[in-house]
Amino acid sequence: MDLHPFEILRKPIITEKSTDLQDDGRYVFEVARSATKHQIKWAVQEAFGVTVTKVNTMNRQGKKKRYGPRISQKKAIKKAIVTLRPGDTITIFEGV
């Protein structure tokens, strides 16, 4: 792999729904738009020392917002829901 794991994994997404998924061993990350499922799996395993069993990805298109007379576009992102082997956890999410 030519990318560093933290170039693929941009940041964790912490919402009410994503914290509920943590009980099932699933974690949500914002990832690079060009990253494939294999690269995401490799990056999570390298960065956190866990075993990934499944990766689901989704592309969210940027919304158009109006601020008075101006129209701006929010950025589009790619999200990945990563399922870990039972018993594995990622410590940056603990206590959130």
PDB file of N, CA and C in Angstrom:
ATOM      1  N   MET A   1       0.843  -1.176   0.000  1.00  0.00           N
ATOM      2  CA  MET A   1       0.000   0.000   0.000  1.00  0.00           C
ATOM      3  C   MET A   1       0.891   1.243   0.000  1.00  0.00           C
ATOM      4  N   ASP A   2       0.542   2.199  -0.816  1.00  0.00           N
ATOM      5  CA  ASP A   2       1.354   3.396  -0.911  1.00  0.00           C
ATOM      6  C   ASP A   2       0.869   4.517  -0.002  1.00  0.00           C
ATOM      7  N   LEU A   3      -0.303   4.369   0.606  1.00  0.00           N
ATOM      8  CA  LEU A   3      -0.842   5.394   1.501  1.00  0.00           C
ATOM      9  C   LEU A   3      -0.614   4.991   2.955  1.00  0.00           C
ATOM     10  N   HIS A   4      -0.431   5.982   3.792  1.00  0.00           N
ATOM     11  CA  HIS A   4      -0.349   5.758   5.236  1.00  0.00           C
ATOM     12  C   HIS A   4      -1.772   5.466   5.735  1.00  0.00           C
ATOM     13  N   PRO A   5      -1.922   4.612   6.754  1.00  0.00           N
ATOM     14  CA  PRO A   5      -3.277   4.302   7.248  1.00  0.00           C
ATOM     15  C   PRO A   5      -4.102   5.534   7.623  1.00  0.00           C
ATOM     16  N   PHE A   6      -3.447   6.581   8.143  1.00  0.00           N
ATOM     17  CA  PHE A   6      -4.205   7.758   8.546  1.00  0.00           C
ATOM     18  C   PHE A   6      -4.474   8.708   7.385  1.00  0.00           C
ATOM     19  N   GLU A   7      -3.952   8.413   6.209  1.00  0.00           N
ATOM     20  CA  GLU A   7      -4.374   9.135   5.008  1.00  0.00           C
ATOM     21  C   GLU A   7      -5.662   8.524   4.478  1.00  0.00           C
ATOM     22  N   ILE A   8      -5.857   7.247   4.720  1.00  0.00           N
ATOM     23  CA  ILE A   8      -7.094   6.567   4.305  1.00  0.00           C
ATOM     24  C   ILE A   8      -8.201   6.863   5.309  1.00  0.00           C
ATOM     25  N   LEU A   9      -7.906   6.710   6.601  1.00  0.00           N
ATOM     26  CA  LEU A   9      -8.883   6.983   7.665  1.00  0.00           C
ATOM     27  C   LEU A   9      -8.772   8.446   8.046  1.00  0.00           C
ATOM     28  N   ARG A  10      -9.732   9.262   7.640  1.00  0.00           N
ATOM     29  CA  ARG A  10      -9.655  10.699   7.914  1.00  0.00           C
ATOM     30  C   ARG A  10      -9.983  11.009   9.369  1.00  0.00           C
ATOM     31  N   LYS A  11     -11.157  10.559   9.847  1.00  0.00           N
ATOM     32  CA  LYS A  11     -11.538  10.821  11.232  1.00  0.00           C
ATOM     33  C   LYS A  11     -12.686   9.887  11.609  1.00  0.00           C
ATOM     34  N   PRO A  12     -12.847   9.625  12.904  1.00  0.00           N
ATOM     35  CA  PRO A  12     -14.002   8.828  13.319  1.00  0.00           C
ATOM     36  C   PRO A  12     -15.260   9.690  13.295  1.00  0.00           C
ATOM     37  N   ILE A  13     -16.374   9.075  12.996  1.00  0.00           N
ATOM     38  CA  ILE A  13     -17.656   9.779  13.013  1.00  0.00           C
ATOM     39  C   ILE A  13     -18.365   9.371  14.292  1.00  0.00           C
ATOM     40  N   ILE A  14     -18.618  10.361  15.148  1.00  0.00           N
ATOM     41  CA  ILE A  14     -19.226  10.079  16.444  1.00  0.00           C
ATOM     42  C   ILE A  14     -20.590  10.742  16.482  1.00  0.00           C
ATOM     43  N   THR A  15     -21.606   9.926  16.314  1.00  0.00           N
ATOM     44  CA  THR A  15     -22.993  10.362  16.399  1.00  0.00           C
ATOM     45  C   THR A  15     -23.725   9.396  17.330  1.00  0.00           C
ATOM     46  N   GLU A  16     -24.973   9.676  17.591  1.00  0.00           N
ATOM     47  CA  GLU A  16     -25.756   8.794  18.444  1.00  0.00           C
ATOM     48  C   GLU A  16     -25.887   7.407  17.815  1.00  0.00           C
ATOM     49  N   LYS A  17     -26.123   7.370  16.530  1.00  0.00           N
ATOM     50  CA  LYS A  17     -26.273   6.087  15.844  1.00  0.00           C
ATOM     51  C   LYS A  17     -24.959   5.305  15.812  1.00  0.00           C
ATOM     52  N   SER A  18     -23.843   6.010  15.578  1.00  0.00           N
ATOM     53  CA  SER A  18     -22.565   5.304  15.515  1.00  0.00           C
ATOM     54  C   SER A  18     -22.144   4.767  16.886  1.00  0.00           C
ATOM     55  N   THR A  19     -22.503   5.458  17.959  1.00  0.00           N
ATOM     56  CA  THR A  19     -22.184   4.933  19.285  1.00  0.00           C
ATOM     57  C   THR A  19     -23.048   3.720  19.614  1.00  0.00           C
ATOM     58  N   ASP A  20     -24.265   3.649  19.100  1.00  0.00           N
ATOM     59  CA  ASP A  20     -25.090   2.450  19.273  1.00  0.00           C
ATOM     60  C   ASP A  20     -24.499   1.266  18.508  1.00  0.00           C
ATOM     61  N   LEU A  21     -23.890   1.523  17.362  1.00  0.00           N
ATOM     62  CA  LEU A  21     -23.274   0.453  16.575  1.00  0.00           C
ATOM     63  C   LEU A  21     -22.059  -0.145  17.273  1.00  0.00           C
ATOM     64  N   GLN A  22     -21.414   0.623  18.148  1.00  0.00           N
ATOM     65  CA  GLN A  22     -20.230   0.129  18.840  1.00  0.00           C
ATOM     66  C   GLN A  22     -20.541  -1.060  19.732  1.00  0.00           C
ATOM     67  N   ASP A  23     -21.780  -1.174  20.207  1.00  0.00           N
ATOM     68  CA  ASP A  23     -22.158  -2.324  21.026  1.00  0.00           C
ATOM     69  C   ASP A  23     -22.080  -3.621  20.226  1.00  0.00           C
ATOM     70  N   ASP A  24     -22.249  -3.525  18.899  1.00  0.00           N
ATOM     71  CA  ASP A  24     -22.163  -4.690  18.024  1.00  0.00           C
ATOM     72  C   ASP A  24     -20.763  -4.869  17.440  1.00  0.00           C
ATOM     73  N   GLY A  25     -19.809  -4.042  17.858  1.00  0.00           N
ATOM     74  CA  GLY A  25     -18.449  -4.140  17.342  1.00  0.00           C
ATOM     75  C   GLY A  25     -18.269  -3.483  15.988  1.00  0.00           C
ATOM     76  N   ARG A  26     -19.113  -2.481  15.679  1.00  0.00           N
ATOM     77  CA  ARG A  26     -18.999  -1.766  14.405  1.00  0.00           C
ATOM     78  C   ARG A  26     -18.614  -0.320  14.684  1.00  0.00           C
ATOM     79  N   TYR A  27     -17.677   0.201  13.897  1.00  0.00           N
ATOM     80  CA  TYR A  27     -17.160   1.549  14.068  1.00  0.00           C
ATOM     81  C   TYR A  27     -17.266   2.295  12.756  1.00  0.00           C
ATOM     82  N   VAL A  28     -17.520   3.608  12.829  1.00  0.00           N
ATOM     83  CA  VAL A  28     -17.758   4.419  11.636  1.00  0.00           C
ATOM     84  C   VAL A  28     -16.616   5.426  11.480  1.00  0.00           C
ATOM     85  N   PHE A  29     -16.077   5.502  10.261  1.00  0.00           N
ATOM     86  CA  PHE A  29     -14.990   6.422   9.943  1.00  0.00           C
ATOM     87  C   PHE A  29     -15.323   7.200   8.686  1.00  0.00           C
ATOM     88  N   GLU A  30     -14.822   8.432   8.610  1.00  0.00           N
ATOM     89  CA  GLU A  30     -14.788   9.139   7.336  1.00  0.00           C
ATOM     90  C   GLU A  30     -13.477   8.728   6.687  1.00  0.00           C
ATOM     91  N   VAL A  31     -13.549   8.321   5.418  1.00  0.00           N
ATOM     92  CA  VAL A  31     -12.369   7.805   4.724  1.00  0.00           C
ATOM     93  C   VAL A  31     -12.120   8.603   3.452  1.00  0.00           C
ATOM     94  N   ALA A  32     -10.954   8.384   2.867  1.00  0.00           N
ATOM     95  CA  ALA A  32     -10.609   9.049   1.605  1.00  0.00           C
ATOM     96  C   ALA A  32     -11.570   8.584   0.516  1.00  0.00           C
ATOM     97  N   ARG A  33     -11.959   9.493  -0.360  1.00  0.00           N
ATOM     98  CA  ARG A  33     -12.949   9.171  -1.402  1.00  0.00           C
ATOM     99  C   ARG A  33     -12.441   8.101  -2.359  1.00  0.00           C
ATOM    100  N   SER A  34     -11.134   8.002  -2.538  1.00  0.00           N
ATOM    101  CA  SER A  34     -10.575   7.035  -3.477  1.00  0.00           C
ATOM    102  C   SER A  34     -10.263   5.691  -2.838  1.00  0.00           C
ATOM    103  N   ALA A  35     -10.478   5.552  -1.524  1.00  0.00           N
ATOM    104  CA  ALA A  35     -10.114   4.328  -0.810  1.00  0.00           C
ATOM    105  C   ALA A  35     -11.076   3.191  -1.143  1.00  0.00           C
ATOM    106  N   THR A  36     -10.526   1.990  -1.328  1.00  0.00           N
ATOM    107  CA  THR A  36     -11.336   0.805  -1.572  1.00  0.00           C
ATOM    108  C   THR A  36     -11.583   0.089  -0.251  1.00  0.00           C
ATOM    109  N   LYS A  37     -12.470  -0.909  -0.273  1.00  0.00           N
ATOM    110  CA  LYS A  37     -12.764  -1.664   0.946  1.00  0.00           C
ATOM    111  C   LYS A  37     -11.523  -2.399   1.450  1.00  0.00           C
ATOM    112  N   HIS A  38     -10.722  -2.933   0.544  1.00  0.00           N
ATOM    113  CA  HIS A  38      -9.503  -3.632   0.948  1.00  0.00           C
ATOM    114  C   HIS A  38      -8.514  -2.679   1.617  1.00  0.00           C
ATOM    115  N   GLN A  39      -8.386  -1.468   1.083  1.00  0.00           N
ATOM    116  CA  GLN A  39      -7.484  -0.483   1.685  1.00  0.00           C
ATOM    117  C   GLN A  39      -7.985  -0.042   3.051  1.00  0.00           C
ATOM    118  N   ILE A  40      -9.302   0.127   3.199  1.00  0.00           N
ATOM    119  CA  ILE A  40      -9.876   0.529   4.489  1.00  0.00           C
ATOM    120  C   ILE A  40      -9.640  -0.564   5.522  1.00  0.00           C
ATOM    121  N   LYS A  41      -9.864  -1.814   5.128  1.00  0.00           N
ATOM    122  CA  LYS A  41      -9.629  -2.941   6.037  1.00  0.00           C
ATOM    123  C   LYS A  41      -8.173  -2.977   6.473  1.00  0.00           C
ATOM    124  N   TRP A  42      -7.243  -2.818   5.526  1.00  0.00           N
ATOM    125  CA  TRP A  42      -5.820  -2.820   5.839  1.00  0.00           C
ATOM    126  C   TRP A  42      -5.465  -1.672   6.789  1.00  0.00           C
ATOM    127  N   ALA A  43      -6.007  -0.488   6.532  1.00  0.00           N
ATOM    128  CA  ALA A  43      -5.682   0.690   7.341  1.00  0.00           C
ATOM    129  C   ALA A  43      -6.155   0.532   8.774  1.00  0.00           C
ATOM    130  N   VAL A  44      -7.356   0.008   8.983  1.00  0.00           N
ATOM    131  CA  VAL A  44      -7.878  -0.177  10.348  1.00  0.00           C
ATOM    132  C   VAL A  44      -7.050  -1.223  11.074  1.00  0.00           C
ATOM    133  N   GLN A  45      -6.706  -2.305  10.397  1.00  0.00           N
ATOM    134  CA  GLN A  45      -5.912  -3.351  11.035  1.00  0.00           C
ATOM    135  C   GLN A  45      -4.508  -2.854  11.381  1.00  0.00           C
ATOM    136  N   GLU A  46      -3.898  -2.054  10.510  1.00  0.00           N
ATOM    137  CA  GLU A  46      -2.564  -1.514  10.782  1.00  0.00           C
ATOM    138  C   GLU A  46      -2.595  -0.460  11.886  1.00  0.00           C
ATOM    139  N   ALA A  47      -3.592   0.408  11.855  1.00  0.00           N
ATOM    140  CA  ALA A  47      -3.623   1.535  12.794  1.00  0.00           C
ATOM    141  C   ALA A  47      -3.995   1.110  14.207  1.00  0.00           C
ATOM    142  N   PHE A  48      -4.905   0.149  14.351  1.00  0.00           N
ATOM    143  CA  PHE A  48      -5.439  -0.166  15.672  1.00  0.00           C
ATOM    144  C   PHE A  48      -5.117  -1.577  16.160  1.00  0.00           C
ATOM    145  N   GLY A  49      -4.500  -2.410  15.318  1.00  0.00           N
ATOM    146  CA  GLY A  49      -4.131  -3.757  15.744  1.00  0.00           C
ATOM    147  C   GLY A  49      -5.315  -4.652  16.037  1.00  0.00           C
ATOM    148  N   VAL A  50      -6.373  -4.557  15.238  1.00  0.00           N
ATOM    149  CA  VAL A  50      -7.569  -5.379  15.398  1.00  0.00           C
ATOM    150  C   VAL A  50      -7.783  -6.189  14.120  1.00  0.00           C
ATOM    151  N   THR A  51      -8.731  -7.122  14.171  1.00  0.00           N
ATOM    152  CA  THR A  51      -9.063  -7.921  12.994  1.00  0.00           C
ATOM    153  C   THR A  51     -10.415  -7.468  12.462  1.00  0.00           C
ATOM    154  N   VAL A  52     -10.452  -7.058  11.204  1.00  0.00           N
ATOM    155  CA  VAL A  52     -11.680  -6.584  10.561  1.00  0.00           C
ATOM    156  C   VAL A  52     -12.330  -7.748   9.819  1.00  0.00           C
ATOM    157  N   THR A  53     -13.632  -7.936  10.035  1.00  0.00           N
ATOM    158  CA  THR A  53     -14.339  -9.013   9.338  1.00  0.00           C
ATOM    159  C   THR A  53     -15.173  -8.500   8.174  1.00  0.00           C
ATOM    160  N   LYS A  54     -15.599  -7.231   8.220  1.00  0.00           N
ATOM    161  CA  LYS A  54     -16.481  -6.713   7.178  1.00  0.00           C
ATOM    162  C   LYS A  54     -16.334  -5.204   7.074  1.00  0.00           C
ATOM    163  N   VAL A  55     -16.457  -4.688   5.843  1.00  0.00           N
ATOM    164  CA  VAL A  55     -16.399  -3.246   5.609  1.00  0.00           C
ATOM    165  C   VAL A  55     -17.564  -2.865   4.703  1.00  0.00           C
ATOM    166  N   ASN A  56     -18.377  -1.923   5.151  1.00  0.00           N
ATOM    167  CA  ASN A  56     -19.451  -1.363   4.335  1.00  0.00           C
ATOM    168  C   ASN A  56     -19.111   0.100   4.079  1.00  0.00           C
ATOM    169  N   THR A  57     -19.275   0.545   2.834  1.00  0.00           N
ATOM    170  CA  THR A  57     -18.967   1.929   2.507  1.00  0.00           C
ATOM    171  C   THR A  57     -20.181   2.610   1.906  1.00  0.00           C
ATOM    172  N   MET A  58     -20.196   3.941   2.016  1.00  0.00           N
ATOM    173  CA  MET A  58     -21.258   4.727   1.396  1.00  0.00           C
ATOM    174  C   MET A  58     -20.710   6.093   1.044  1.00  0.00           C
ATOM    175  N   ASN A  59     -21.167   6.627  -0.065  1.00  0.00           N
ATOM    176  CA  ASN A  59     -20.785   7.960  -0.504  1.00  0.00           C
ATOM    177  C   ASN A  59     -21.936   8.910  -0.231  1.00  0.00           C
ATOM    178  N   ARG A  60     -21.653  10.000   0.495  1.00  0.00           N
ATOM    179  CA  ARG A  60     -22.666  11.013   0.743  1.00  0.00           C
ATOM    180  C   ARG A  60     -22.359  12.211  -0.135  1.00  0.00           C
ATOM    181  N   GLN A  61     -23.276  12.559  -0.989  1.00  0.00           N
ATOM    182  CA  GLN A  61     -23.090  13.702  -1.873  1.00  0.00           C
ATOM    183  C   GLN A  61     -23.212  14.991  -1.067  1.00  0.00           C
ATOM    184  N   GLY A  62     -22.483  16.018  -1.479  1.00  0.00           N
ATOM    185  CA  GLY A  62     -22.516  17.301  -0.792  1.00  0.00           C
ATOM    186  C   GLY A  62     -23.832  18.021  -1.029  1.00  0.00           C
ATOM    187  N   LYS A  63     -24.390  18.566   0.030  1.00  0.00           N
ATOM    188  CA  LYS A  63     -25.665  19.270  -0.082  1.00  0.00           C
ATOM    189  C   LYS A  63     -25.432  20.727  -0.470  1.00  0.00           C
ATOM    190  N   LYS A  64     -26.405  21.291  -1.147  1.00  0.00           N
ATOM    191  CA  LYS A  64     -26.370  22.726  -1.441  1.00  0.00           C
ATOM    192  C   LYS A  64     -27.083  23.457  -0.314  1.00  0.00           C
ATOM    193  N   LYS A  65     -26.440  24.489   0.203  1.00  0.00           N
ATOM    194  CA  LYS A  65     -26.997  25.284   1.293  1.00  0.00           C
ATOM    195  C   LYS A  65     -27.084  26.734   0.852  1.00  0.00           C
ATOM    196  N   ARG A  66     -28.100  27.396   1.358  1.00  0.00           N
ATOM    197  CA  ARG A  66     -28.245  28.824   1.069  1.00  0.00           C
ATOM    198  C   ARG A  66     -27.927  29.617   2.306  1.00  0.00           C
ATOM    199  N   TYR A  67     -27.081  30.621   2.159  1.00  0.00           N
ATOM    200  CA  TYR A  67     -26.770  31.575   3.207  1.00  0.00           C
ATOM    201  C   TYR A  67     -27.151  32.945   2.658  1.00  0.00           C
ATOM    202  N   GLY A  68     -28.413  33.305   2.806  1.00  0.00           N
ATOM    203  CA  GLY A  68     -28.902  34.538   2.208  1.00  0.00           C
ATOM    204  C   GLY A  68     -28.931  34.379   0.699  1.00  0.00           C
ATOM    205  N   PRO A  69     -28.379  35.323  -0.035  1.00  0.00           N
ATOM    206  CA  PRO A  69     -28.411  35.229  -1.491  1.00  0.00           C
ATOM    207  C   PRO A  69     -27.357  34.266  -2.062  1.00  0.00           C
ATOM    208  N   ARG A  70     -26.406  33.860  -1.222  1.00  0.00           N
ATOM    209  CA  ARG A  70     -25.335  32.984  -1.706  1.00  0.00           C
ATOM    210  C   ARG A  70     -25.743  31.517  -1.596  1.00  0.00           C
ATOM    211  N   ILE A  71     -25.331  30.731  -2.551  1.00  0.00           N
ATOM    212  CA  ILE A  71     -25.525  29.282  -2.501  1.00  0.00           C
ATOM    213  C   ILE A  71     -24.143  28.650  -2.428  1.00  0.00           C
ATOM    214  N   SER A  72     -23.951  27.798  -1.440  1.00  0.00           N
ATOM    215  CA  SER A  72     -22.663  27.122  -1.318  1.00  0.00           C
ATOM    216  C   SER A  72     -22.898  25.611  -1.307  1.00  0.00           C
ATOM    217  N   GLN A  73     -21.837  24.885  -1.536  1.00  0.00           N
ATOM    218  CA  GLN A  73     -21.929  23.432  -1.607  1.00  0.00           C
ATOM    219  C   GLN A  73     -21.089  22.833  -0.481  1.00  0.00           C
ATOM    220  N   LYS A  74     -21.699  21.964   0.312  1.00  0.00           N
ATOM    221  CA  LYS A  74     -20.958  21.230   1.330  1.00  0.00           C
ATOM    222  C   LYS A  74     -20.129  20.158   0.636  1.00  0.00           C
ATOM    223  N   LYS A  75     -19.068  19.706   1.266  1.00  0.00           N
ATOM    224  CA  LYS A  75     -18.209  18.719   0.625  1.00  0.00           C
ATOM    225  C   LYS A  75     -18.845  17.333   0.683  1.00  0.00           C
ATOM    226  N   ALA A  76     -18.555  16.540  -0.314  1.00  0.00           N
ATOM    227  CA  ALA A  76     -19.009  15.152  -0.354  1.00  0.00           C
ATOM    228  C   ALA A  76     -18.010  14.306   0.424  1.00  0.00           C
ATOM    229  N   ILE A  77     -18.517  13.311   1.156  1.00  0.00           N
ATOM    230  CA  ILE A  77     -17.635  12.447   1.935  1.00  0.00           C
ATOM    231  C   ILE A  77     -17.952  10.988   1.665  1.00  0.00           C
ATOM    232  N   LYS A  78     -17.007  10.134   2.031  1.00  0.00           N
ATOM    233  CA  LYS A  78     -17.201   8.697   1.977  1.00  0.00           C
ATOM    234  C   LYS A  78     -17.090   8.183   3.403  1.00  0.00           C
ATOM    235  N   LYS A  79     -18.075   7.386   3.822  1.00  0.00           N
ATOM    236  CA  LYS A  79     -18.083   6.816   5.158  1.00  0.00           C
ATOM    237  C   LYS A  79     -17.875   5.313   5.061  1.00  0.00           C
ATOM    238  N   ALA A  80     -17.240   4.756   6.067  1.00  0.00           N
ATOM    239  CA  ALA A  80     -17.046   3.312   6.139  1.00  0.00           C
ATOM    240  C   ALA A  80     -17.497   2.824   7.505  1.00  0.00           C
ATOM    241  N   ILE A  81     -18.315   1.763   7.496  1.00  0.00           N
ATOM    242  CA  ILE A  81     -18.702   1.091   8.727  1.00  0.00           C
ATOM    243  C   ILE A  81     -17.889  -0.196   8.780  1.00  0.00           C
ATOM    244  N   VAL A  82     -17.041  -0.299   9.788  1.00  0.00           N
ATOM    245  CA  VAL A  82     -16.098  -1.407   9.904  1.00  0.00           C
ATOM    246  C   VAL A  82     -16.559  -2.327  11.024  1.00  0.00           C
ATOM    247  N   THR A  83     -16.735  -3.608  10.705  1.00  0.00           N
ATOM    248  CA  THR A  83     -17.129  -4.608  11.693  1.00  0.00           C
ATOM    249  C   THR A  83     -15.885  -5.361  12.137  1.00  0.00           C
ATOM    250  N   LEU A  84     -15.690  -5.442  13.450  1.00  0.00           N
ATOM    251  CA  LEU A  84     -14.523  -6.118  14.009  1.00  0.00           C
ATOM    252  C   LEU A  84     -14.877  -7.522  14.477  1.00  0.00           C
ATOM    253  N   ARG A  85     -13.834  -8.342  14.633  1.00  0.00           N
ATOM    254  CA  ARG A  85     -13.997  -9.686  15.174  1.00  0.00           C
ATOM    255  C   ARG A  85     -14.538  -9.567  16.605  1.00  0.00           C
ATOM    256  N   PRO A  86     -15.419 -10.466  17.031  1.00  0.00           N
ATOM    257  CA  PRO A  86     -15.942 -10.392  18.403  1.00  0.00           C
ATOM    258  C   PRO A  86     -14.798 -10.394  19.419  1.00  0.00           C
ATOM    259  N   GLY A  87     -14.880  -9.471  20.360  1.00  0.00           N
ATOM    260  CA  GLY A  87     -13.852  -9.332  21.381  1.00  0.00           C
ATOM    261  C   GLY A  87     -12.879  -8.201  21.118  1.00  0.00           C
ATOM    262  N   ASP A  88     -12.751  -7.747  19.866  1.00  0.00           N
ATOM    263  CA  ASP A  88     -11.865  -6.638  19.530  1.00  0.00           C
ATOM    264  C   ASP A  88     -12.579  -5.317  19.743  1.00  0.00           C
ATOM    265  N   THR A  89     -11.845  -4.315  20.200  1.00  0.00           N
ATOM    266  CA  THR A  89     -12.376  -2.959  20.352  1.00  0.00           C
ATOM    267  C   THR A  89     -11.318  -1.968  19.905  1.00  0.00           C
ATOM    268  N   ILE A  90     -11.763  -0.764  19.578  1.00  0.00           N
ATOM    269  CA  ILE A  90     -10.866   0.329  19.255  1.00  0.00           C
ATOM    270  C   ILE A  90     -10.926   1.297  20.415  1.00  0.00           C
ATOM    271  N   THR A  91      -9.788   1.585  21.027  1.00  0.00           N
ATOM    272  CA  THR A  91      -9.774   2.303  22.299  1.00  0.00           C
ATOM    273  C   THR A  91     -10.103   3.783  22.175  1.00  0.00           C
ATOM    274  N   ILE A  92      -9.932   4.402  20.986  1.00  0.00           N
ATOM    275  CA  ILE A  92     -10.233   5.835  20.894  1.00  0.00           C
ATOM    276  C   ILE A  92     -11.716   6.106  21.066  1.00  0.00           C
ATOM    277  N   PHE A  93     -12.563   5.090  20.900  1.00  0.00           N
ATOM    278  CA  PHE A  93     -13.989   5.266  21.029  1.00  0.00           C
ATOM    279  C   PHE A  93     -14.482   4.979  22.436  1.00  0.00           C
ATOM    280  N   GLU A  94     -13.664   4.421  23.293  1.00  0.00           N
ATOM    281  CA  GLU A  94     -14.105   4.050  24.634  1.00  0.00           C
ATOM    282  C   GLU A  94     -14.401   5.288  25.459  1.00  0.00           C
ATOM    283  N   GLY A  95     -15.483   5.268  26.191  1.00  0.00           N
ATOM    284  CA  GLY A  95     -15.858   6.378  27.049  1.00  0.00           C
ATOM    285  C   GLY A  95     -16.523   7.533  26.320  1.00  0.00           C
ATOM    286  N   VAL A  96     -16.921   7.318  25.077  1.00  0.00           N
ATOM    287  CA  VAL A  96     -17.578   8.385  24.309  1.00  0.00           C
ATOM    288  C   VAL A  96     -19.058   8.265  24.504  1.00  0.00           C
TER     289      VAL A  96
END
